[in-house]
Amino acid sequence: MKKKGYLFLTVALFMMTILFLQSESKAVMTSWSAEQPPEGAKGVEKRTEYRFRDKSTQTSYSTSLGGWGLRRIRPR
């Protein structure tokens, strides 16, 4: 029974070591920033971002808004 327990622990520790070494070798990128990276940073990526709105909204509690009107549409 002890041999199986030691074998299990040995395999488990071996697998944990492999996973740890693999995670250490992969560099994790930071999130995007508007500021320049520090001197000597590795794997610097650049991108251009654009933001825009294609619709305009207006909230009002008035009974009428300038430029807007209601019209009744009759069915044909």
PDB file of N, CA and C in Angstrom:
ATOM      1  N   MET A   1       0.819  -1.193   0.000  1.00  0.00           N
ATOM      2  CA  MET A   1       0.000   0.000   0.000  1.00  0.00           C
ATOM      3  C   MET A   1       0.863   1.258   0.000  1.00  0.00           C
ATOM      4  N   LYS A   2       1.996   1.222   0.708  1.00  0.00           N
ATOM      5  CA  LYS A   2       2.864   2.393   0.773  1.00  0.00           C
ATOM      6  C   LYS A   2       3.491   2.694  -0.572  1.00  0.00           C
ATOM      7  N   LYS A   3       3.805   1.653  -1.345  1.00  0.00           N
ATOM      8  CA  LYS A   3       4.428   1.863  -2.652  1.00  0.00           C
ATOM      9  C   LYS A   3       3.487   2.614  -3.582  1.00  0.00           C
ATOM     10  N   LYS A   4       2.193   2.287  -3.564  1.00  0.00           N
ATOM     11  CA  LYS A   4       1.234   2.982  -4.411  1.00  0.00           C
ATOM     12  C   LYS A   4       1.111   4.452  -4.006  1.00  0.00           C
ATOM     13  N   GLY A   5       1.136   4.702  -2.707  1.00  0.00           N
ATOM     14  CA  GLY A   5       1.045   6.081  -2.208  1.00  0.00           C
ATOM     15  C   GLY A   5       2.254   6.903  -2.631  1.00  0.00           C
ATOM     16  N   TYR A   6       3.441   6.331  -2.515  1.00  0.00           N
ATOM     17  CA  TYR A   6       4.659   7.027  -2.933  1.00  0.00           C
ATOM     18  C   TYR A   6       4.678   7.257  -4.437  1.00  0.00           C
ATOM     19  N   LEU A   7       4.212   6.273  -5.177  1.00  0.00           N
ATOM     20  CA  LEU A   7       4.169   6.409  -6.631  1.00  0.00           C
ATOM     21  C   LEU A   7       3.213   7.534  -7.021  1.00  0.00           C
ATOM     22  N   PHE A   8       2.057   7.580  -6.382  1.00  0.00           N
ATOM     23  CA  PHE A   8       1.082   8.630  -6.664  1.00  0.00           C
ATOM     24  C   PHE A   8       1.671  10.005  -6.355  1.00  0.00           C
ATOM     25  N   LEU A   9       2.307  10.157  -5.200  1.00  0.00           N
ATOM     26  CA  LEU A   9       2.906  11.436  -4.832  1.00  0.00           C
ATOM     27  C   LEU A   9       4.026  11.836  -5.791  1.00  0.00           C
ATOM     28  N   THR A  10       4.826  10.870  -6.190  1.00  0.00           N
ATOM     29  CA  THR A  10       5.917  11.152  -7.119  1.00  0.00           C
ATOM     30  C   THR A  10       5.375  11.639  -8.457  1.00  0.00           C
ATOM     31  N   VAL A  11       4.356  10.957  -8.974  1.00  0.00           N
ATOM     32  CA  VAL A  11       3.759  11.358 -10.253  1.00  0.00           C
ATOM     33  C   VAL A  11       3.096  12.727 -10.118  1.00  0.00           C
ATOM     34  N   ALA A  12       2.402  12.945  -9.023  1.00  0.00           N
ATOM     35  CA  ALA A  12       1.725  14.229  -8.815  1.00  0.00           C
ATOM     36  C   ALA A  12       2.738  15.367  -8.743  1.00  0.00           C
ATOM     37  N   LEU A  13       3.813  15.193  -8.004  1.00  0.00           N
ATOM     38  CA  LEU A  13       4.839  16.234  -7.909  1.00  0.00           C
ATOM     39  C   LEU A  13       5.510  16.475  -9.257  1.00  0.00           C
ATOM     40  N   PHE A  14       5.744  15.412 -10.009  1.00  0.00           N
ATOM     41  CA  PHE A  14       6.346  15.546 -11.337  1.00  0.00           C
ATOM     42  C   PHE A  14       5.440  16.370 -12.246  1.00  0.00           C
ATOM     43  N   MET A  15       4.135  16.069 -12.251  1.00  0.00           N
ATOM     44  CA  MET A  15       3.196  16.797 -13.098  1.00  0.00           C
ATOM     45  C   MET A  15       3.083  18.258 -12.676  1.00  0.00           C
ATOM     46  N   MET A  16       3.076  18.510 -11.375  1.00  0.00           N
ATOM     47  CA  MET A  16       3.007  19.895 -10.893  1.00  0.00           C
ATOM     48  C   MET A  16       4.257  20.664 -11.304  1.00  0.00           C
ATOM     49  N   THR A  17       5.402  20.027 -11.254  1.00  0.00           N
ATOM     50  CA  THR A  17       6.650  20.668 -11.667  1.00  0.00           C
ATOM     51  C   THR A  17       6.615  21.015 -13.146  1.00  0.00           C
ATOM     52  N   ILE A  18       6.144  20.092 -13.966  1.00  0.00           N
ATOM     53  CA  ILE A  18       6.045  20.339 -15.409  1.00  0.00           C
ATOM     54  C   ILE A  18       5.110  21.512 -15.682  1.00  0.00           C
ATOM     55  N   LEU A  19       3.947  21.525 -15.034  1.00  0.00           N
ATOM     56  CA  LEU A  19       2.991  22.616 -15.235  1.00  0.00           C
ATOM     57  C   LEU A  19       3.579  23.952 -14.784  1.00  0.00           C
ATOM     58  N   PHE A  20       4.282  23.949 -13.665  1.00  0.00           N
ATOM     59  CA  PHE A  20       4.889  25.180 -13.167  1.00  0.00           C
ATOM     60  C   PHE A  20       5.945  25.694 -14.130  1.00  0.00           C
ATOM     61  N   LEU A  21       6.770  24.819 -14.641  1.00  0.00           N
ATOM     62  CA  LEU A  21       7.825  25.241 -15.568  1.00  0.00           C
ATOM     63  C   LEU A  21       7.233  25.763 -16.871  1.00  0.00           C
ATOM     64  N   GLN A  22       6.159  25.159 -17.336  1.00  0.00           N
ATOM     65  CA  GLN A  22       5.519  25.642 -18.552  1.00  0.00           C
ATOM     66  C   GLN A  22       4.904  27.015 -18.331  1.00  0.00           C
ATOM     67  N   SER A  23       4.282  27.239 -17.178  1.00  0.00           N
ATOM     68  CA  SER A  23       3.658  28.539 -16.924  1.00  0.00           C
ATOM     69  C   SER A  23       4.715  29.629 -16.756  1.00  0.00           C
ATOM     70  N   GLU A  24       5.872  29.282 -16.228  1.00  0.00           N
ATOM     71  CA  GLU A  24       6.950  30.259 -16.062  1.00  0.00           C
ATOM     72  C   GLU A  24       7.554  30.665 -17.404  1.00  0.00           C
ATOM     73  N   SER A  25       7.554  29.761 -18.368  1.00  0.00           N
ATOM     74  CA  SER A  25       8.191  30.061 -19.641  1.00  0.00           C
ATOM     75  C   SER A  25       7.322  30.922 -20.546  1.00  0.00           C
ATOM     76  N   LYS A  26       6.028  30.986 -20.291  1.00  0.00           N
ATOM     77  CA  LYS A  26       5.124  31.788 -21.105  1.00  0.00           C
ATOM     78  C   LYS A  26       4.968  33.167 -20.481  1.00  0.00           C
ATOM     79  N   ALA A  27       5.410  34.195 -21.197  1.00  0.00           N
ATOM     80  CA  ALA A  27       5.263  35.551 -20.694  1.00  0.00           C
ATOM     81  C   ALA A  27       3.829  36.005 -20.893  1.00  0.00           C
ATOM     82  N   VAL A  28       3.302  36.692 -19.930  1.00  0.00           N
ATOM     83  CA  VAL A  28       1.939  37.194 -19.995  1.00  0.00           C
ATOM     84  C   VAL A  28       1.978  38.656 -20.413  1.00  0.00           C
ATOM     85  N   MET A  29       1.191  38.989 -21.426  1.00  0.00           N
ATOM     86  CA  MET A  29       1.135  40.369 -21.895  1.00  0.00           C
ATOM     87  C   MET A  29       0.301  41.196 -20.927  1.00  0.00           C
ATOM     88  N   THR A  30       0.667  42.444 -20.762  1.00  0.00           N
ATOM     89  CA  THR A  30      -0.128  43.354 -19.948  1.00  0.00           C
ATOM     90  C   THR A  30      -1.335  43.801 -20.749  1.00  0.00           C
ATOM     91  N   SER A  31      -2.245  44.507 -20.104  1.00  0.00           N
ATOM     92  CA  SER A  31      -3.377  45.068 -20.839  1.00  0.00           C
ATOM     93  C   SER A  31      -2.882  46.270 -21.637  1.00  0.00           C
ATOM     94  N   TRP A  32      -3.677  46.719 -22.601  1.00  0.00           N
ATOM     95  CA  TRP A  32      -3.278  47.840 -23.450  1.00  0.00           C
ATOM     96  C   TRP A  32      -3.188  49.114 -22.617  1.00  0.00           C
ATOM     97  N   SER A  33      -2.224  49.960 -22.961  1.00  0.00           N
ATOM     98  CA  SER A  33      -2.002  51.196 -22.231  1.00  0.00           C
ATOM     99  C   SER A  33      -1.696  52.323 -23.210  1.00  0.00           C
ATOM    100  N   ALA A  34      -2.053  53.535 -22.831  1.00  0.00           N
ATOM    101  CA  ALA A  34      -1.756  54.708 -23.659  1.00  0.00           C
ATOM    102  C   ALA A  34      -0.328  55.209 -23.412  1.00  0.00           C
ATOM    103  N   GLU A  35       0.299  54.701 -22.359  1.00  0.00           N
ATOM    104  CA  GLU A  35       1.647  55.140 -22.013  1.00  0.00           C
ATOM    105  C   GLU A  35       2.683  54.201 -22.623  1.00  0.00           C
ATOM    106  N   GLN A  36       3.859  54.741 -22.895  1.00  0.00           N
ATOM    107  CA  GLN A  36       4.925  53.935 -23.473  1.00  0.00           C
ATOM    108  C   GLN A  36       5.457  52.939 -22.448  1.00  0.00           C
ATOM    109  N   PRO A  37       5.875  51.759 -22.920  1.00  0.00           N
ATOM    110  CA  PRO A  37       6.412  50.753 -21.994  1.00  0.00           C
ATOM    111  C   PRO A  37       7.780  51.177 -21.462  1.00  0.00           C
ATOM    112  N   PRO A  38       8.200  50.576 -20.372  1.00  0.00           N
ATOM    113  CA  PRO A  38       9.521  50.906 -19.830  1.00  0.00           C
ATOM    114  C   PRO A  38      10.636  50.475 -20.776  1.00  0.00           C
ATOM    115  N   GLU A  39      11.783  51.087 -20.628  1.00  0.00           N
ATOM    116  CA  GLU A  39      12.957  50.761 -21.451  1.00  0.00           C
ATOM    117  C   GLU A  39      13.307  49.292 -21.257  1.00  0.00           C
ATOM    118  N   GLY A  40      13.539  48.585 -22.359  1.00  0.00           N
ATOM    119  CA  GLY A  40      13.934  47.181 -22.292  1.00  0.00           C
ATOM    120  C   GLY A  40      12.764  46.210 -22.257  1.00  0.00           C
ATOM    121  N   ALA A  41      11.539  46.710 -22.405  1.00  0.00           N
ATOM    122  CA  ALA A  41      10.375  45.811 -22.428  1.00  0.00           C
ATOM    123  C   ALA A  41      10.452  44.918 -23.659  1.00  0.00           C
ATOM    124  N   LYS A  42      10.061  43.689 -23.516  1.00  0.00           N
ATOM    125  CA  LYS A  42      10.147  42.727 -24.615  1.00  0.00           C
ATOM    126  C   LYS A  42       8.765  42.478 -25.206  1.00  0.00           C
ATOM    127  N   GLY A  43       8.723  42.231 -26.501  1.00  0.00           N
ATOM    128  CA  GLY A  43       7.464  41.890 -27.162  1.00  0.00           C
ATOM    129  C   GLY A  43       6.460  43.022 -27.183  1.00  0.00           C
ATOM    130  N   VAL A  44       6.921  44.227 -27.431  1.00  0.00           N
ATOM    131  CA  VAL A  44       6.022  45.381 -27.451  1.00  0.00           C
ATOM    132  C   VAL A  44       5.166  45.337 -28.709  1.00  0.00           C
ATOM    133  N   GLU A  45       3.866  45.458 -28.540  1.00  0.00           N
ATOM    134  CA  GLU A  45       2.937  45.503 -29.666  1.00  0.00           C
ATOM    135  C   GLU A  45       2.288  46.880 -29.697  1.00  0.00           C
ATOM    136  N   LYS A  46       1.999  47.351 -30.902  1.00  0.00           N
ATOM    137  CA  LYS A  46       1.340  48.646 -31.053  1.00  0.00           C
ATOM    138  C   LYS A  46       0.023  48.444 -31.772  1.00  0.00           C
ATOM    139  N   ARG A  47      -0.946  49.296 -31.467  1.00  0.00           N
ATOM    140  CA  ARG A  47      -2.214  49.270 -32.185  1.00  0.00           C
ATOM    141  C   ARG A  47      -2.827  50.654 -32.150  1.00  0.00           C
ATOM    142  N   THR A  48      -3.702  50.909 -33.093  1.00  0.00           N
ATOM    143  CA  THR A  48      -4.431  52.169 -33.146  1.00  0.00           C
ATOM    144  C   THR A  48      -5.887  51.871 -32.820  1.00  0.00           C
ATOM    145  N   GLU A  49      -6.460  52.666 -31.941  1.00  0.00           N
ATOM    146  CA  GLU A  49      -7.843  52.466 -31.567  1.00  0.00           C
ATOM    147  C   GLU A  49      -8.669  53.665 -32.000  1.00  0.00           C
ATOM    148  N   TYR A  50      -9.883  53.402 -32.412  1.00  0.00           N
ATOM    149  CA  TYR A  50     -10.819  54.454 -32.775  1.00  0.00           C
ATOM    150  C   TYR A  50     -12.120  54.221 -32.023  1.00  0.00           C
ATOM    151  N   ARG A  51     -12.732  55.304 -31.602  1.00  0.00           N
ATOM    152  CA  ARG A  51     -14.048  55.230 -30.987  1.00  0.00           C
ATOM    153  C   ARG A  51     -14.954  56.203 -31.713  1.00  0.00           C
ATOM    154  N   PHE A  52     -16.174  55.789 -31.949  1.00  0.00           N
ATOM    155  CA  PHE A  52     -17.106  56.691 -32.598  1.00  0.00           C
ATOM    156  C   PHE A  52     -18.528  56.325 -32.211  1.00  0.00           C
ATOM    157  N   ARG A  53     -19.411  57.243 -32.486  1.00  0.00           N
ATOM    158  CA  ARG A  53     -20.832  57.044 -32.265  1.00  0.00           C
ATOM    159  C   ARG A  53     -21.537  57.246 -33.588  1.00  0.00           C
ATOM    160  N   ASP A  54     -22.439  56.383 -33.920  1.00  0.00           N
ATOM    161  CA  ASP A  54     -23.153  56.577 -35.175  1.00  0.00           C
ATOM    162  C   ASP A  54     -24.600  57.017 -34.947  1.00  0.00           C
ATOM    163  N   LYS A  55     -25.008  57.164 -33.697  1.00  0.00           N
ATOM    164  CA  LYS A  55     -26.356  57.629 -33.391  1.00  0.00           C
ATOM    165  C   LYS A  55     -26.286  58.673 -32.285  1.00  0.00           C
ATOM    166  N   SER A  56     -27.206  59.583 -32.335  1.00  0.00           N
ATOM    167  CA  SER A  56     -27.286  60.606 -31.314  1.00  0.00           C
ATOM    168  C   SER A  56     -28.606  60.439 -30.571  1.00  0.00           C
ATOM    169  N   THR A  57     -28.581  60.556 -29.285  1.00  0.00           N
ATOM    170  CA  THR A  57     -29.813  60.443 -28.506  1.00  0.00           C
ATOM    171  C   THR A  57     -30.018  61.705 -27.704  1.00  0.00           C
ATOM    172  N   GLN A  58     -31.266  61.988 -27.412  1.00  0.00           N
ATOM    173  CA  GLN A  58     -31.591  63.150 -26.597  1.00  0.00           C
ATOM    174  C   GLN A  58     -32.747  62.772 -25.695  1.00  0.00           C
ATOM    175  N   THR A  59     -32.616  63.080 -24.434  1.00  0.00           N
ATOM    176  CA  THR A  59     -33.676  62.801 -23.473  1.00  0.00           C
ATOM    177  C   THR A  59     -34.326  64.116 -23.093  1.00  0.00           C
ATOM    178  N   SER A  60     -35.646  64.116 -23.079  1.00  0.00           N
ATOM    179  CA  SER A  60     -36.371  65.336 -22.727  1.00  0.00           C
ATOM    180  C   SER A  60     -37.686  64.970 -22.074  1.00  0.00           C
ATOM    181  N   TYR A  61     -38.094  65.808 -21.155  1.00  0.00           N
ATOM    182  CA  TYR A  61     -39.399  65.630 -20.531  1.00  0.00           C
ATOM    183  C   TYR A  61     -40.381  66.673 -21.066  1.00  0.00           C
ATOM    184  N   SER A  62     -39.933  67.395 -22.068  1.00  0.00           N
ATOM    185  CA  SER A  62     -40.780  68.388 -22.720  1.00  0.00           C
ATOM    186  C   SER A  62     -41.775  67.676 -23.639  1.00  0.00           C
ATOM    187  N   THR A  63     -42.896  68.343 -23.926  1.00  0.00           N
ATOM    188  CA  THR A  63     -43.897  67.743 -24.807  1.00  0.00           C
ATOM    189  C   THR A  63     -43.502  67.854 -26.265  1.00  0.00           C
ATOM    190  N   SER A  64     -42.526  68.667 -26.585  1.00  0.00           N
ATOM    191  CA  SER A  64     -42.078  68.757 -27.977  1.00  0.00           C
ATOM    192  C   SER A  64     -40.574  69.011 -28.008  1.00  0.00           C
ATOM    193  N   LEU A  65     -39.950  68.498 -29.026  1.00  0.00           N
ATOM    194  CA  LEU A  65     -38.524  68.713 -29.251  1.00  0.00           C
ATOM    195  C   LEU A  65     -38.367  69.416 -30.586  1.00  0.00           C
ATOM    196  N   GLY A  66     -37.450  70.369 -30.653  1.00  0.00           N
ATOM    197  CA  GLY A  66     -37.215  71.075 -31.898  1.00  0.00           C
ATOM    198  C   GLY A  66     -36.736  70.117 -32.979  1.00  0.00           C
ATOM    199  N   GLY A  67     -37.333  70.230 -34.182  1.00  0.00           N
ATOM    200  CA  GLY A  67     -36.928  69.377 -35.282  1.00  0.00           C
ATOM    201  C   GLY A  67     -37.649  68.048 -35.337  1.00  0.00           C
ATOM    202  N   TRP A  68     -38.496  67.793 -34.369  1.00  0.00           N
ATOM    203  CA  TRP A  68     -39.218  66.540 -34.328  1.00  0.00           C
ATOM    204  C   TRP A  68     -40.712  66.820 -34.358  1.00  0.00           C
ATOM    205  N   GLY A  69     -41.452  65.939 -34.922  1.00  0.00           N
ATOM    206  CA  GLY A  69     -42.906  66.091 -34.942  1.00  0.00           C
ATOM    207  C   GLY A  69     -43.577  64.746 -35.108  1.00  0.00           C
ATOM    208  N   LEU A  70     -44.847  64.706 -34.813  1.00  0.00           N
ATOM    209  CA  LEU A  70     -45.628  63.477 -34.984  1.00  0.00           C
ATOM    210  C   LEU A  70     -46.558  63.683 -36.179  1.00  0.00           C
ATOM    211  N   ARG A  71     -46.697  62.643 -36.919  1.00  0.00           N
ATOM    212  CA  ARG A  71     -47.581  62.709 -38.063  1.00  0.00           C
ATOM    213  C   ARG A  71     -48.325  61.382 -38.138  1.00  0.00           C
ATOM    214  N   ARG A  72     -49.565  61.475 -38.464  1.00  0.00           N
ATOM    215  CA  ARG A  72     -50.383  60.266 -38.543  1.00  0.00           C
ATOM    216  C   ARG A  72     -50.217  59.639 -39.917  1.00  0.00           C
ATOM    217  N   ILE A  73     -49.928  58.351 -39.925  1.00  0.00           N
ATOM    218  CA  ILE A  73     -49.783  57.627 -41.196  1.00  0.00           C
ATOM    219  C   ILE A  73     -51.055  56.818 -41.404  1.00  0.00           C
ATOM    220  N   ARG A  74     -51.684  57.043 -42.557  1.00  0.00           N
ATOM    221  CA  ARG A  74     -52.915  56.332 -42.871  1.00  0.00           C
ATOM    222  C   ARG A  74     -52.594  55.046 -43.624  1.00  0.00           C
ATOM    223  N   PRO A  75     -53.264  53.940 -43.241  1.00  0.00           N
ATOM    224  CA  PRO A  75     -53.054  52.693 -43.965  1.00  0.00           C
ATOM    225  C   PRO A  75     -53.561  52.808 -45.401  1.00  0.00           C
ATOM    226  N   ARG A  76     -52.967  52.119 -46.313  1.00  0.00           N
ATOM    227  CA  ARG A  76     -53.370  52.174 -47.731  1.00  0.00           C
ATOM    228  C   ARG A  76     -54.515  51.250 -48.010  1.00  0.00           C
TER     229      ARG A  76
END
